Amino acid sequence: MSSHQIKAFANSDTPGKFKIDTRDVGKLNDFDLLIEIQAAGICHTDCLFLQMNGKVLGHESVGYVKEVGPQVKDFKKGDYVGYSYLKSSCLMCDLCVSGRDVFCKERVMFPGNDNNNGFADGVVVDARFSYHIPREIEPKNAAPLLCAGVTVFNALFSNNVSPTQSIGVVGIGGLGHLALQFANKWGCNVTALSGNPSKKEEAISFGAHEFLNTKDIAKPGFAETAPKFDYILNTTSADLHYDDYMNLLKPEGQFLVIGVPSKPVEVSNLFGVIQNMWGLRGVLTGSRTAYREMLKFAARHKIKPQLEEYPFSIEGLEEAIDRCEKSEVRYRAVLVKK
């Protein structure tokens, strides 16, 4: 990035195909960081914006600080950093000052209204929404933690999950395989729930203590003898029959949702919901505090994603996006500079 010029991979007029977008950085604003990117993860969320011709995508990128703005105090040139899905917030409202900046009415989430995103050799971001990454975590492993990792971590962190509690993780994919690792190291009793029995051994290797075939859940009488959970975390976008899953909750249990299904969700057993005080709750990406705590936790417990590596090029990005759209990636795709 000589002379602070950024070369990015922007959407072309053909979704899933990309073109080179080159621009000069210019003078940094007070709280800006210029980051030279080393690794960029590909997320299903990126695939939602492929129709935006000219848009630079990517929100799981890590690298080294190239330059800092005049008011930046917490970072210096050469620091190993990443940045968040939450690009900015007002930093002054009650939500922001209480650590819930992710709900700020003035928040800007990815992809934002500019092209400062991660499918590029560099990016300019707000230092106040950037994070020191522990050196123990390689760039290729750190990148997916900045979206997939923090989201599943936040399911535990924001719900005050106790190490003595039980959690069922629905789906063993890009989110689920990380959720199994985080929940195991959190100290929970962890069960993987999947309709693919061939994934049992792999689920155990990620941290599950038990495996439950979801094809059995709808069978008559199954809920009476099945294990019960304090929490069930749904990481998939599959169209689930929510009643069957909520019947596996303990009294006061919580059904936590990350994945968005294609059809409206129905919960018909309201008597059971009331009688057992069950909860249905969404899980959003983490606050700035959650990001910092997640990175420390992942480093301490050696949590890392299972990766497919691709060259940091248009060809590498197009191949990774194609596999991501087809749900063929096992389990996170990352562009890596050699």
C-alpha atoms as a PDB file:
ATOM      1  CA  MET A   1       0.000   0.000   0.000  1.00  0.00           C
ATOM      2  CA  SER A   2       2.676   2.482  -0.972  1.00  0.00           C
ATOM      3  CA  SER A   3       1.570   6.125  -0.713  1.00  0.00           C
ATOM      4  CA  HIS A   4      -1.438   4.877   1.240  1.00  0.00           C
ATOM      5  CA  GLN A   5      -3.339   3.625  -1.747  1.00  0.00           C
ATOM      6  CA  ILE A   6      -5.906   0.883  -1.198  1.00  0.00           C
ATOM      7  CA  LYS A   7      -6.702  -1.819  -3.725  1.00  0.00           C
ATOM      8  CA  ALA A   8     -10.055  -3.449  -3.019  1.00  0.00           C
ATOM      9  CA  PHE A   9     -12.235  -6.119  -4.602  1.00  0.00           C
ATOM     10  CA  ALA A  10     -15.574  -4.471  -5.364  1.00  0.00           C
ATOM     11  CA  ASN A  11     -18.786  -6.110  -6.537  1.00  0.00           C
ATOM     12  CA  SER A  12     -19.203  -6.100 -10.311  1.00  0.00           C
ATOM     13  CA  ASP A  13     -22.521  -5.925 -12.144  1.00  0.00           C
ATOM     14  CA  THR A  14     -22.555  -9.739 -12.042  1.00  0.00           C
ATOM     15  CA  PRO A  15     -23.278 -10.957  -8.476  1.00  0.00           C
ATOM     16  CA  GLY A  16     -20.438 -13.136  -7.226  1.00  0.00           C
ATOM     17  CA  LYS A  17     -17.917 -11.574  -9.596  1.00  0.00           C
ATOM     18  CA  PHE A  18     -15.560  -8.785  -8.557  1.00  0.00           C
ATOM     19  CA  LYS A  19     -13.494  -5.940  -9.996  1.00  0.00           C
ATOM     20  CA  ILE A  20     -10.521  -3.936  -8.781  1.00  0.00           C
ATOM     21  CA  ASP A  21     -11.340  -0.681  -6.979  1.00  0.00           C
ATOM     22  CA  THR A  22      -8.307   1.520  -6.288  1.00  0.00           C
ATOM     23  CA  ARG A  23      -8.429   4.700  -4.240  1.00  0.00           C
ATOM     24  CA  ASP A  24      -6.128   7.007  -2.300  1.00  0.00           C
ATOM     25  CA  VAL A  25      -6.615   7.114   1.444  1.00  0.00           C
ATOM     26  CA  GLY A  26      -6.043  10.817   2.006  1.00  0.00           C
ATOM     27  CA  LYS A  27      -5.618  12.396   5.424  1.00  0.00           C
ATOM     28  CA  LEU A  28      -6.890  10.269   8.298  1.00  0.00           C
ATOM     29  CA  ASN A  29      -9.581  11.667  10.589  1.00  0.00           C
ATOM     30  CA  ASP A  30      -8.910  12.049  14.309  1.00  0.00           C
ATOM     31  CA  PHE A  31      -9.833   8.509  15.352  1.00  0.00           C
ATOM     32  CA  ASP A  32      -9.008   6.625  12.155  1.00  0.00           C
ATOM     33  CA  LEU A  33      -6.762   3.618  11.773  1.00  0.00           C
ATOM     34  CA  LEU A  34      -5.280   2.553   8.466  1.00  0.00           C
ATOM     35  CA  ILE A  35      -4.886  -1.223   8.603  1.00  0.00           C
ATOM     36  CA  GLU A  36      -2.866  -3.324   6.183  1.00  0.00           C
ATOM     37  CA  ILE A  37      -4.978  -6.465   5.883  1.00  0.00           C
ATOM     38  CA  GLN A  38      -3.418  -9.919   6.192  1.00  0.00           C
ATOM     39  CA  ALA A  39      -6.501 -12.143   6.267  1.00  0.00           C
ATOM     40  CA  ALA A  40     -10.171 -11.629   5.416  1.00  0.00           C
ATOM     41  CA  GLY A  41     -12.966 -14.023   6.301  1.00  0.00           C
ATOM     42  CA  ILE A  42     -15.991 -14.663   4.109  1.00  0.00           C
ATOM     43  CA  CYS A  43     -19.381 -14.763   5.820  1.00  0.00           C
ATOM     44  CA  HIS A  44     -22.864 -15.637   4.569  1.00  0.00           C
ATOM     45  CA  THR A  45     -23.791 -12.031   5.369  1.00  0.00           C
ATOM     46  CA  ASP A  46     -21.439 -10.900   2.601  1.00  0.00           C
ATOM     47  CA  CYS A  47     -23.485 -12.957   0.149  1.00  0.00           C
ATOM     48  CA  LEU A  48     -26.581 -10.893   0.990  1.00  0.00           C
ATOM     49  CA  PHE A  49     -25.010  -7.776  -0.580  1.00  0.00           C
ATOM     50  CA  LEU A  50     -23.558  -9.166  -3.811  1.00  0.00           C
ATOM     51  CA  GLN A  51     -26.194  -7.280  -5.829  1.00  0.00           C
ATOM     52  CA  MET A  52     -24.710  -3.908  -4.804  1.00  0.00           C
ATOM     53  CA  ASN A  53     -22.558  -3.068  -7.833  1.00  0.00           C
ATOM     54  CA  GLY A  54     -19.386  -1.233  -6.817  1.00  0.00           C
ATOM     55  CA  LYS A  55     -19.691  -2.103  -3.129  1.00  0.00           C
ATOM     56  CA  VAL A  56     -16.662  -3.443  -1.275  1.00  0.00           C
ATOM     57  CA  LEU A  57     -17.711  -6.125   1.203  1.00  0.00           C
ATOM     58  CA  GLY A  58     -15.942  -8.082   3.945  1.00  0.00           C
ATOM     59  CA  HIS A  59     -16.214  -7.616   7.706  1.00  0.00           C
ATOM     60  CA  GLU A  60     -13.924 -10.289   9.161  1.00  0.00           C
ATOM     61  CA  SER A  61     -10.512  -8.773   8.462  1.00  0.00           C
ATOM     62  CA  VAL A  62      -7.339  -8.504  10.510  1.00  0.00           C
ATOM     63  CA  GLY A  63      -3.921  -7.004   9.930  1.00  0.00           C
ATOM     64  CA  TYR A  64      -1.352  -4.500  11.134  1.00  0.00           C
ATOM     65  CA  VAL A  65      -1.714  -0.788  11.795  1.00  0.00           C
ATOM     66  CA  LYS A  66      -0.103   1.252   9.030  1.00  0.00           C
ATOM     67  CA  GLU A  67      -1.029   4.735  10.277  1.00  0.00           C
ATOM     68  CA  VAL A  68      -3.057   6.292  13.102  1.00  0.00           C
ATOM     69  CA  GLY A  69      -5.170   9.435  13.289  1.00  0.00           C
ATOM     70  CA  PRO A  70      -4.025  12.346  15.496  1.00  0.00           C
ATOM     71  CA  GLN A  71      -6.362  11.523  18.417  1.00  0.00           C
ATOM     72  CA  VAL A  72      -5.717   7.765  18.534  1.00  0.00           C
ATOM     73  CA  LYS A  73      -4.147   6.782  21.868  1.00  0.00           C
ATOM     74  CA  ASP A  74      -4.716   3.031  22.169  1.00  0.00           C
ATOM     75  CA  PHE A  75      -3.015   1.897  18.952  1.00  0.00           C
ATOM     76  CA  LYS A  76       0.316   2.501  17.274  1.00  0.00           C
ATOM     77  CA  LYS A  77       1.953   1.597  13.998  1.00  0.00           C
ATOM     78  CA  GLY A  78       2.619  -2.140  13.769  1.00  0.00           C
ATOM     79  CA  ASP A  79      -0.090  -3.235  16.218  1.00  0.00           C
ATOM     80  CA  TYR A  80      -1.939  -6.449  15.330  1.00  0.00           C
ATOM     81  CA  VAL A  81      -5.635  -5.539  15.129  1.00  0.00           C
ATOM     82  CA  GLY A  82      -9.103  -6.304  13.856  1.00  0.00           C
ATOM     83  CA  TYR A  83     -12.327  -4.354  13.753  1.00  0.00           C
ATOM     84  CA  SER A  84     -15.998  -5.013  14.328  1.00  0.00           C
ATOM     85  CA  TYR A  85     -19.222  -5.579  12.417  1.00  0.00           C
ATOM     86  CA  LEU A  86     -20.396  -2.516  14.341  1.00  0.00           C
ATOM     87  CA  LYS A  87     -18.583   0.287  12.509  1.00  0.00           C
ATOM     88  CA  SER A  88     -19.617   3.198  14.742  1.00  0.00           C
ATOM     89  CA  SER A  89     -22.133   4.528  17.252  1.00  0.00           C
ATOM     90  CA  CYS A  90     -22.764   7.872  18.954  1.00  0.00           C
ATOM     91  CA  LEU A  91     -20.775   6.843  22.079  1.00  0.00           C
ATOM     92  CA  MET A  92     -22.859   9.263  24.181  1.00  0.00           C
ATOM     93  CA  CYS A  93     -26.375   7.836  24.614  1.00  0.00           C
ATOM     94  CA  ASP A  94     -27.461   5.717  27.583  1.00  0.00           C
ATOM     95  CA  LEU A  95     -27.045   2.545  25.529  1.00  0.00           C
ATOM     96  CA  CYS A  96     -23.498   3.410  24.502  1.00  0.00           C
ATOM     97  CA  VAL A  97     -22.266   4.496  27.921  1.00  0.00           C
ATOM     98  CA  SER A  98     -23.766   1.376  29.534  1.00  0.00           C
ATOM     99  CA  GLY A  99     -21.875  -0.943  27.192  1.00  0.00           C
ATOM    100  CA  ARG A 100     -24.806  -1.676  24.882  1.00  0.00           C
ATOM    101  CA  ASP A 101     -23.503   0.316  21.935  1.00  0.00           C
ATOM    102  CA  VAL A 102     -24.692  -2.351  19.525  1.00  0.00           C
ATOM    103  CA  PHE A 103     -28.259  -1.062  20.098  1.00  0.00           C
ATOM    104  CA  CYS A 104     -27.456   2.640  19.604  1.00  0.00           C
ATOM    105  CA  LYS A 105     -30.002   4.403  17.384  1.00  0.00           C
ATOM    106  CA  GLU A 106     -27.131   6.020  15.488  1.00  0.00           C
ATOM    107  CA  ARG A 107     -25.151   2.822  15.072  1.00  0.00           C
ATOM    108  CA  VAL A 108     -23.639   1.982  11.690  1.00  0.00           C
ATOM    109  CA  MET A 109     -23.386  -1.711  10.948  1.00  0.00           C
ATOM    110  CA  PHE A 110     -21.689  -3.493   8.058  1.00  0.00           C
ATOM    111  CA  PRO A 111     -21.793  -2.879   5.123  1.00  0.00           C
ATOM    112  CA  GLY A 112     -22.210   0.804   6.007  1.00  0.00           C
ATOM    113  CA  ASN A 113     -22.453   3.706   3.596  1.00  0.00           C
ATOM    114  CA  ASP A 114     -18.842   3.680   2.393  1.00  0.00           C
ATOM    115  CA  ASN A 115     -16.363   1.213   0.921  1.00  0.00           C
ATOM    116  CA  ASN A 116     -14.169   0.882   4.001  1.00  0.00           C
ATOM    117  CA  ASN A 117     -14.607  -2.865   4.264  1.00  0.00           C
ATOM    118  CA  GLY A 118     -12.377  -5.888   4.339  1.00  0.00           C
ATOM    119  CA  PHE A 119     -12.043  -7.397   0.858  1.00  0.00           C
ATOM    120  CA  ALA A 120      -9.042  -5.166   0.243  1.00  0.00           C
ATOM    121  CA  ASP A 121      -5.343  -4.884   0.962  1.00  0.00           C
ATOM    122  CA  GLY A 122      -6.127  -2.094   3.403  1.00  0.00           C
ATOM    123  CA  VAL A 123      -9.003  -0.486   5.253  1.00  0.00           C
ATOM    124  CA  VAL A 124      -9.658   2.727   7.194  1.00  0.00           C
ATOM    125  CA  VAL A 125     -11.699   2.136  10.347  1.00  0.00           C
ATOM    126  CA  ASP A 126     -12.601   3.876  13.592  1.00  0.00           C
ATOM    127  CA  ALA A 127     -10.027   3.002  16.248  1.00  0.00           C
ATOM    128  CA  ARG A 128     -12.770   3.083  18.880  1.00  0.00           C
ATOM    129  CA  PHE A 129     -14.355   0.073  17.183  1.00  0.00           C
ATOM    130  CA  SER A 130     -11.106  -1.783  16.644  1.00  0.00           C
ATOM    131  CA  TYR A 131      -9.426  -4.382  18.832  1.00  0.00           C
ATOM    132  CA  HIS A 132      -5.986  -5.609  19.748  1.00  0.00           C
ATOM    133  CA  ILE A 133      -5.711  -9.257  18.768  1.00  0.00           C
ATOM    134  CA  PRO A 134      -3.634 -11.563  20.974  1.00  0.00           C
ATOM    135  CA  ARG A 135      -0.466 -12.655  19.201  1.00  0.00           C
ATOM    136  CA  GLU A 136      -1.280 -16.292  19.964  1.00  0.00           C
ATOM    137  CA  ILE A 137      -4.071 -16.165  17.369  1.00  0.00           C
ATOM    138  CA  GLU A 138      -2.871 -16.326  13.754  1.00  0.00           C
ATOM    139  CA  PRO A 139      -4.467 -13.835  11.348  1.00  0.00           C
ATOM    140  CA  LYS A 140      -6.267 -16.566   9.405  1.00  0.00           C
ATOM    141  CA  ASN A 141      -7.801 -17.884  12.640  1.00  0.00           C
ATOM    142  CA  ALA A 142      -8.556 -14.446  14.066  1.00  0.00           C
ATOM    143  CA  ALA A 143     -10.556 -13.227  11.063  1.00  0.00           C
ATOM    144  CA  PRO A 144     -13.652 -15.470  11.486  1.00  0.00           C
ATOM    145  CA  LEU A 145     -13.731 -14.749  15.212  1.00  0.00           C
ATOM    146  CA  LEU A 146     -14.630 -11.117  14.446  1.00  0.00           C
ATOM    147  CA  CYS A 147     -18.136 -12.059  13.302  1.00  0.00           C
ATOM    148  CA  ALA A 148     -18.946 -15.737  13.743  1.00  0.00           C
ATOM    149  CA  GLY A 149     -16.871 -16.022  16.899  1.00  0.00           C
ATOM    150  CA  VAL A 150     -18.172 -12.955  18.693  1.00  0.00           C
ATOM    151  CA  THR A 151     -21.785 -13.776  17.800  1.00  0.00           C
ATOM    152  CA  VAL A 152     -21.776 -17.234  19.380  1.00  0.00           C
ATOM    153  CA  PHE A 153     -19.678 -15.931  22.281  1.00  0.00           C
ATOM    154  CA  ASN A 154     -22.273 -13.215  22.840  1.00  0.00           C
ATOM    155  CA  ALA A 155     -24.985 -15.861  23.225  1.00  0.00           C
ATOM    156  CA  LEU A 156     -23.145 -17.004  26.355  1.00  0.00           C
ATOM    157  CA  PHE A 157     -21.804 -13.623  27.473  1.00  0.00           C
ATOM    158  CA  SER A 158     -24.965 -11.522  27.197  1.00  0.00           C
ATOM    159  CA  ASN A 159     -27.205 -14.196  28.728  1.00  0.00           C
ATOM    160  CA  ASN A 160     -24.994 -14.734  31.778  1.00  0.00           C
ATOM    161  CA  VAL A 161     -24.796 -18.452  31.068  1.00  0.00           C
ATOM    162  CA  SER A 162     -23.396 -20.368  34.028  1.00  0.00           C
ATOM    163  CA  PRO A 163     -20.664 -23.020  33.699  1.00  0.00           C
ATOM    164  CA  THR A 164     -22.988 -25.465  35.466  1.00  0.00           C
ATOM    165  CA  GLN A 165     -25.730 -25.165  32.857  1.00  0.00           C
ATOM    166  CA  SER A 166     -26.546 -27.274  29.813  1.00  0.00           C
ATOM    167  CA  ILE A 167     -26.735 -25.997  26.260  1.00  0.00           C
ATOM    168  CA  GLY A 168     -27.815 -27.578  23.015  1.00  0.00           C
ATOM    169  CA  VAL A 169     -26.269 -26.198  19.819  1.00  0.00           C
ATOM    170  CA  VAL A 170     -28.393 -26.634  16.697  1.00  0.00           C
ATOM    171  CA  GLY A 171     -26.283 -26.924  13.566  1.00  0.00           C
ATOM    172  CA  ILE A 172     -22.643 -27.881  13.105  1.00  0.00           C
ATOM    173  CA  GLY A 173     -21.565 -25.305  10.548  1.00  0.00           C
ATOM    174  CA  GLY A 174     -19.734 -22.007  10.375  1.00  0.00           C
ATOM    175  CA  LEU A 175     -21.320 -20.743  13.595  1.00  0.00           C
ATOM    176  CA  GLY A 176     -22.142 -24.023  15.287  1.00  0.00           C
ATOM    177  CA  HIS A 177     -18.645 -25.508  15.276  1.00  0.00           C
ATOM    178  CA  LEU A 178     -17.396 -22.392  17.071  1.00  0.00           C
ATOM    179  CA  ALA A 179     -20.354 -22.390  19.466  1.00  0.00           C
ATOM    180  CA  LEU A 180     -19.458 -25.942  20.526  1.00  0.00           C
ATOM    181  CA  GLN A 181     -15.907 -24.834  21.322  1.00  0.00           C
ATOM    182  CA  PHE A 182     -16.891 -21.709  23.248  1.00  0.00           C
ATOM    183  CA  ALA A 183     -19.626 -23.487  25.228  1.00  0.00           C
ATOM    184  CA  ASN A 184     -17.293 -26.350  26.145  1.00  0.00           C
ATOM    185  CA  LYS A 185     -14.559 -24.013  27.383  1.00  0.00           C
ATOM    186  CA  TRP A 186     -17.222 -21.953  29.175  1.00  0.00           C
ATOM    187  CA  GLY A 187     -17.758 -25.055  31.298  1.00  0.00           C
ATOM    188  CA  CYS A 188     -21.226 -26.021  30.083  1.00  0.00           C
ATOM    189  CA  ASN A 189     -22.574 -29.479  29.414  1.00  0.00           C
ATOM    190  CA  VAL A 190     -22.781 -29.305  25.619  1.00  0.00           C
ATOM    191  CA  THR A 191     -24.964 -31.276  23.226  1.00  0.00           C
ATOM    192  CA  ALA A 192     -24.727 -30.967  19.444  1.00  0.00           C
ATOM    193  CA  LEU A 193     -28.068 -31.177  17.629  1.00  0.00           C
ATOM    194  CA  SER A 194     -27.885 -32.099  13.960  1.00  0.00           C
ATOM    195  CA  GLY A 195     -29.847 -34.060  11.397  1.00  0.00           C
ATOM    196  CA  ASN A 196     -26.615 -35.467   9.994  1.00  0.00           C
ATOM    197  CA  PRO A 197     -25.394 -38.384  12.159  1.00  0.00           C
ATOM    198  CA  SER A 198     -22.129 -38.497  10.193  1.00  0.00           C
ATOM    199  CA  LYS A 199     -21.150 -35.263  11.980  1.00  0.00           C
ATOM    200  CA  LYS A 200     -21.271 -36.838  15.442  1.00  0.00           C
ATOM    201  CA  GLU A 201     -17.568 -37.621  15.704  1.00  0.00           C
ATOM    202  CA  GLU A 202     -16.640 -34.177  14.427  1.00  0.00           C
ATOM    203  CA  ALA A 203     -19.053 -32.507  16.857  1.00  0.00           C
ATOM    204  CA  ILE A 204     -17.438 -34.361  19.755  1.00  0.00           C
ATOM    205  CA  SER A 205     -14.011 -33.188  18.566  1.00  0.00           C
ATOM    206  CA  PHE A 206     -15.237 -29.576  18.639  1.00  0.00           C
ATOM    207  CA  GLY A 207     -16.382 -29.898  22.242  1.00  0.00           C
ATOM    208  CA  ALA A 208     -19.802 -31.545  22.353  1.00  0.00           C
ATOM    209  CA  HIS A 209     -20.296 -34.041  25.175  1.00  0.00           C
ATOM    210  CA  GLU A 210     -23.386 -35.565  23.570  1.00  0.00           C
ATOM    211  CA  PHE A 211     -24.997 -35.742  20.126  1.00  0.00           C
ATOM    212  CA  LEU A 212     -28.718 -35.615  19.367  1.00  0.00           C
ATOM    213  CA  ASN A 213     -30.166 -36.474  15.961  1.00  0.00           C
ATOM    214  CA  THR A 214     -32.728 -33.770  15.193  1.00  0.00           C
ATOM    215  CA  LYS A 215     -34.658 -36.176  12.973  1.00  0.00           C
ATOM    216  CA  ASP A 216     -35.820 -37.861  16.181  1.00  0.00           C
ATOM    217  CA  ILE A 217     -37.162 -34.689  17.808  1.00  0.00           C
ATOM    218  CA  ALA A 218     -40.592 -34.749  16.141  1.00  0.00           C
ATOM    219  CA  LYS A 219     -41.219 -38.403  17.017  1.00  0.00           C
ATOM    220  CA  PRO A 220     -44.146 -38.975  19.425  1.00  0.00           C
ATOM    221  CA  GLY A 221     -43.020 -39.133  23.031  1.00  0.00           C
ATOM    222  CA  PHE A 222     -39.442 -38.096  22.273  1.00  0.00           C
ATOM    223  CA  ALA A 223     -39.525 -35.013  24.509  1.00  0.00           C
ATOM    224  CA  GLU A 224     -40.591 -37.090  27.522  1.00  0.00           C
ATOM    225  CA  THR A 225     -37.327 -39.070  27.578  1.00  0.00           C
ATOM    226  CA  ALA A 226     -34.933 -36.668  25.860  1.00  0.00           C
ATOM    227  CA  PRO A 227     -32.363 -34.585  27.754  1.00  0.00           C
ATOM    228  CA  LYS A 228     -33.482 -31.098  28.739  1.00  0.00           C
ATOM    229  CA  PHE A 229     -31.472 -27.922  28.317  1.00  0.00           C
ATOM    230  CA  ASP A 230     -31.116 -24.589  30.078  1.00  0.00           C
ATOM    231  CA  TYR A 231     -30.366 -23.066  26.672  1.00  0.00           C
ATOM    232  CA  ILE A 232     -30.734 -24.095  23.063  1.00  0.00           C
ATOM    233  CA  LEU A 233     -28.738 -22.020  20.575  1.00  0.00           C
ATOM    234  CA  ASN A 234     -30.008 -22.207  17.004  1.00  0.00           C
ATOM    235  CA  THR A 235     -27.156 -21.324  14.649  1.00  0.00           C
ATOM    236  CA  THR A 236     -28.906 -22.406  11.439  1.00  0.00           C
ATOM    237  CA  SER A 237     -31.290 -20.705   9.032  1.00  0.00           C
ATOM    238  CA  ALA A 238     -33.272 -23.914   8.558  1.00  0.00           C
ATOM    239  CA  ASP A 239     -37.062 -23.849   8.907  1.00  0.00           C
ATOM    240  CA  LEU A 240     -37.369 -25.580  12.269  1.00  0.00           C
ATOM    241  CA  HIS A 241     -40.526 -26.610  14.073  1.00  0.00           C
ATOM    242  CA  TYR A 242     -39.928 -24.433  17.121  1.00  0.00           C
ATOM    243  CA  ASP A 243     -42.453 -26.198  19.352  1.00  0.00           C
ATOM    244  CA  ASP A 244     -40.465 -29.439  19.144  1.00  0.00           C
ATOM    245  CA  TYR A 245     -37.258 -27.702  20.184  1.00  0.00           C
ATOM    246  CA  MET A 246     -38.786 -25.641  22.975  1.00  0.00           C
ATOM    247  CA  ASN A 247     -40.172 -28.849  24.453  1.00  0.00           C
ATOM    248  CA  LEU A 248     -36.537 -29.781  25.123  1.00  0.00           C
ATOM    249  CA  LEU A 249     -36.033 -26.790  27.429  1.00  0.00           C
ATOM    250  CA  LYS A 250     -35.970 -26.970  31.198  1.00  0.00           C
ATOM    251  CA  PRO A 251     -38.344 -24.674  33.102  1.00  0.00           C
ATOM    252  CA  GLU A 252     -37.190 -21.076  32.527  1.00  0.00           C
ATOM    253  CA  GLY A 253     -35.064 -22.293  29.618  1.00  0.00           C
ATOM    254  CA  GLN A 254     -34.134 -19.981  26.746  1.00  0.00           C
ATOM    255  CA  PHE A 255     -34.260 -20.670  23.014  1.00  0.00           C
ATOM    256  CA  LEU A 256     -31.592 -18.415  21.488  1.00  0.00           C
ATOM    257  CA  VAL A 257     -31.730 -17.594  17.793  1.00  0.00           C
ATOM    258  CA  ILE A 258     -28.960 -16.480  15.441  1.00  0.00           C
ATOM    259  CA  GLY A 259     -30.109 -17.949  12.127  1.00  0.00           C
ATOM    260  CA  VAL A 260     -33.003 -16.352  10.234  1.00  0.00           C
ATOM    261  CA  PRO A 261     -35.296 -18.908   8.531  1.00  0.00           C
ATOM    262  CA  SER A 262     -36.953 -18.372   5.170  1.00  0.00           C
ATOM    263  CA  LYS A 263     -40.466 -18.871   6.567  1.00  0.00           C
ATOM    264  CA  PRO A 264     -42.309 -17.222   9.489  1.00  0.00           C
ATOM    265  CA  VAL A 265     -41.752 -18.934  12.824  1.00  0.00           C
ATOM    266  CA  GLU A 266     -44.723 -20.380  14.698  1.00  0.00           C
ATOM    267  CA  VAL A 267     -44.848 -21.241  18.382  1.00  0.00           C
ATOM    268  CA  SER A 268     -48.248 -22.801  18.974  1.00  0.00           C
ATOM    269  CA  ASN A 269     -47.668 -24.291  22.432  1.00  0.00           C
ATOM    270  CA  LEU A 270     -48.188 -21.046  24.333  1.00  0.00           C
ATOM    271  CA  PHE A 271     -49.523 -22.951  27.324  1.00  0.00           C
ATOM    272  CA  GLY A 272     -46.168 -24.697  27.583  1.00  0.00           C
ATOM    273  CA  VAL A 273     -44.348 -21.387  27.162  1.00  0.00           C
ATOM    274  CA  ILE A 274     -46.352 -19.812  29.989  1.00  0.00           C
ATOM    275  CA  GLN A 275     -46.321 -22.830  32.274  1.00  0.00           C
ATOM    276  CA  ASN A 276     -42.548 -23.280  31.951  1.00  0.00           C
ATOM    277  CA  MET A 277     -41.660 -19.596  31.548  1.00  0.00           C
ATOM    278  CA  TRP A 278     -39.690 -20.393  28.412  1.00  0.00           C
ATOM    279  CA  GLY A 279     -38.045 -17.565  26.533  1.00  0.00           C
ATOM    280  CA  LEU A 280     -37.346 -16.961  22.852  1.00  0.00           C
ATOM    281  CA  ARG A 281     -34.504 -14.493  22.359  1.00  0.00           C
ATOM    282  CA  GLY A 282     -32.402 -13.226  19.488  1.00  0.00           C
ATOM    283  CA  VAL A 283     -28.618 -13.056  19.507  1.00  0.00           C
ATOM    284  CA  LEU A 284     -26.892 -10.124  17.838  1.00  0.00           C
ATOM    285  CA  THR A 285     -23.220  -9.438  17.209  1.00  0.00           C
ATOM    286  CA  GLY A 286     -21.363  -8.347  20.306  1.00  0.00           C
ATOM    287  CA  SER A 287     -20.739  -4.981  21.906  1.00  0.00           C
ATOM    288  CA  ARG A 288     -17.217  -3.575  22.058  1.00  0.00           C
ATOM    289  CA  THR A 289     -16.848  -5.179  25.477  1.00  0.00           C
ATOM    290  CA  ALA A 290     -17.944  -8.548  24.100  1.00  0.00           C
ATOM    291  CA  TYR A 291     -15.345  -8.318  21.327  1.00  0.00           C
ATOM    292  CA  ARG A 292     -12.523  -7.683  23.769  1.00  0.00           C
ATOM    293  CA  GLU A 293     -13.604 -10.437  26.135  1.00  0.00           C
ATOM    294  CA  MET A 294     -14.125 -12.904  23.278  1.00  0.00           C
ATOM    295  CA  LEU A 295     -10.624 -12.391  21.915  1.00  0.00           C
ATOM    296  CA  LYS A 296      -9.042 -12.894  25.342  1.00  0.00           C
ATOM    297  CA  PHE A 297     -11.178 -15.989  25.944  1.00  0.00           C
ATOM    298  CA  ALA A 298     -10.363 -17.490  22.533  1.00  0.00           C
ATOM    299  CA  ALA A 299      -6.641 -16.953  23.042  1.00  0.00           C
ATOM    300  CA  ARG A 300      -6.669 -18.396  26.551  1.00  0.00           C
ATOM    301  CA  HIS A 301      -8.576 -21.521  25.501  1.00  0.00           C
ATOM    302  CA  LYS A 302      -6.998 -21.932  22.054  1.00  0.00           C
ATOM    303  CA  ILE A 303     -10.323 -21.692  20.229  1.00  0.00           C
ATOM    304  CA  LYS A 304      -9.959 -21.546  16.477  1.00  0.00           C
ATOM    305  CA  PRO A 305     -12.174 -22.066  13.439  1.00  0.00           C
ATOM    306  CA  GLN A 306     -11.905 -24.920  10.983  1.00  0.00           C
ATOM    307  CA  LEU A 307     -10.831 -23.217   7.782  1.00  0.00           C
ATOM    308  CA  GLU A 308     -10.691 -23.354   4.048  1.00  0.00           C
ATOM    309  CA  GLU A 309      -7.881 -21.053   2.888  1.00  0.00           C
ATOM    310  CA  TYR A 310      -7.977 -19.128  -0.386  1.00  0.00           C
ATOM    311  CA  PRO A 311      -5.422 -16.815  -2.021  1.00  0.00           C
ATOM    312  CA  PHE A 312      -5.948 -13.102  -1.421  1.00  0.00           C
ATOM    313  CA  SER A 313      -7.017 -12.409  -5.001  1.00  0.00           C
ATOM    314  CA  ILE A 314     -10.162 -11.860  -7.051  1.00  0.00           C
ATOM    315  CA  GLU A 315      -9.995 -15.502  -8.139  1.00  0.00           C
ATOM    316  CA  GLY A 316      -9.684 -16.672  -4.550  1.00  0.00           C
ATOM    317  CA  LEU A 317     -12.572 -14.470  -3.429  1.00  0.00           C
ATOM    318  CA  GLU A 318     -14.850 -15.603  -6.249  1.00  0.00           C
ATOM    319  CA  GLU A 319     -14.175 -19.263  -5.487  1.00  0.00           C
ATOM    320  CA  ALA A 320     -14.798 -18.756  -1.767  1.00  0.00           C
ATOM    321  CA  ILE A 321     -18.005 -16.777  -2.365  1.00  0.00           C
ATOM    322  CA  ASP A 322     -19.282 -19.470  -4.733  1.00  0.00           C
ATOM    323  CA  ARG A 323     -18.729 -22.198  -2.149  1.00  0.00           C
ATOM    324  CA  CYS A 324     -20.228 -20.020   0.581  1.00  0.00           C
ATOM    325  CA  GLU A 325     -23.398 -19.404  -1.439  1.00  0.00           C
ATOM    326  CA  LYS A 326     -23.704 -23.154  -2.016  1.00  0.00           C
ATOM    327  CA  SER A 327     -23.167 -23.848   1.720  1.00  0.00           C
ATOM    328  CA  GLU A 328     -20.214 -26.076   0.868  1.00  0.00           C
ATOM    329  CA  VAL A 329     -17.589 -24.424   3.102  1.00  0.00           C
ATOM    330  CA  ARG A 330     -16.293 -26.519   6.027  1.00  0.00           C
ATOM    331  CA  TYR A 331     -16.566 -24.331   8.050  1.00  0.00           C
ATOM    332  CA  ARG A 332     -15.155 -20.840   7.465  1.00  0.00           C
ATOM    333  CA  ALA A 333     -13.526 -19.485   4.298  1.00  0.00           C
ATOM    334  CA  VAL A 334     -10.622 -17.054   4.631  1.00  0.00           C
ATOM    335  CA  LEU A 335      -8.532 -15.106   2.127  1.00  0.00           C
ATOM    336  CA  VAL A 336      -4.917 -15.277   3.294  1.00  0.00           C
ATOM    337  CA  LYS A 337      -1.944 -13.231   2.126  1.00  0.00           C
ATOM    338  CA  LYS A 338       1.156 -15.330   1.567  1.00  0.00           C
END
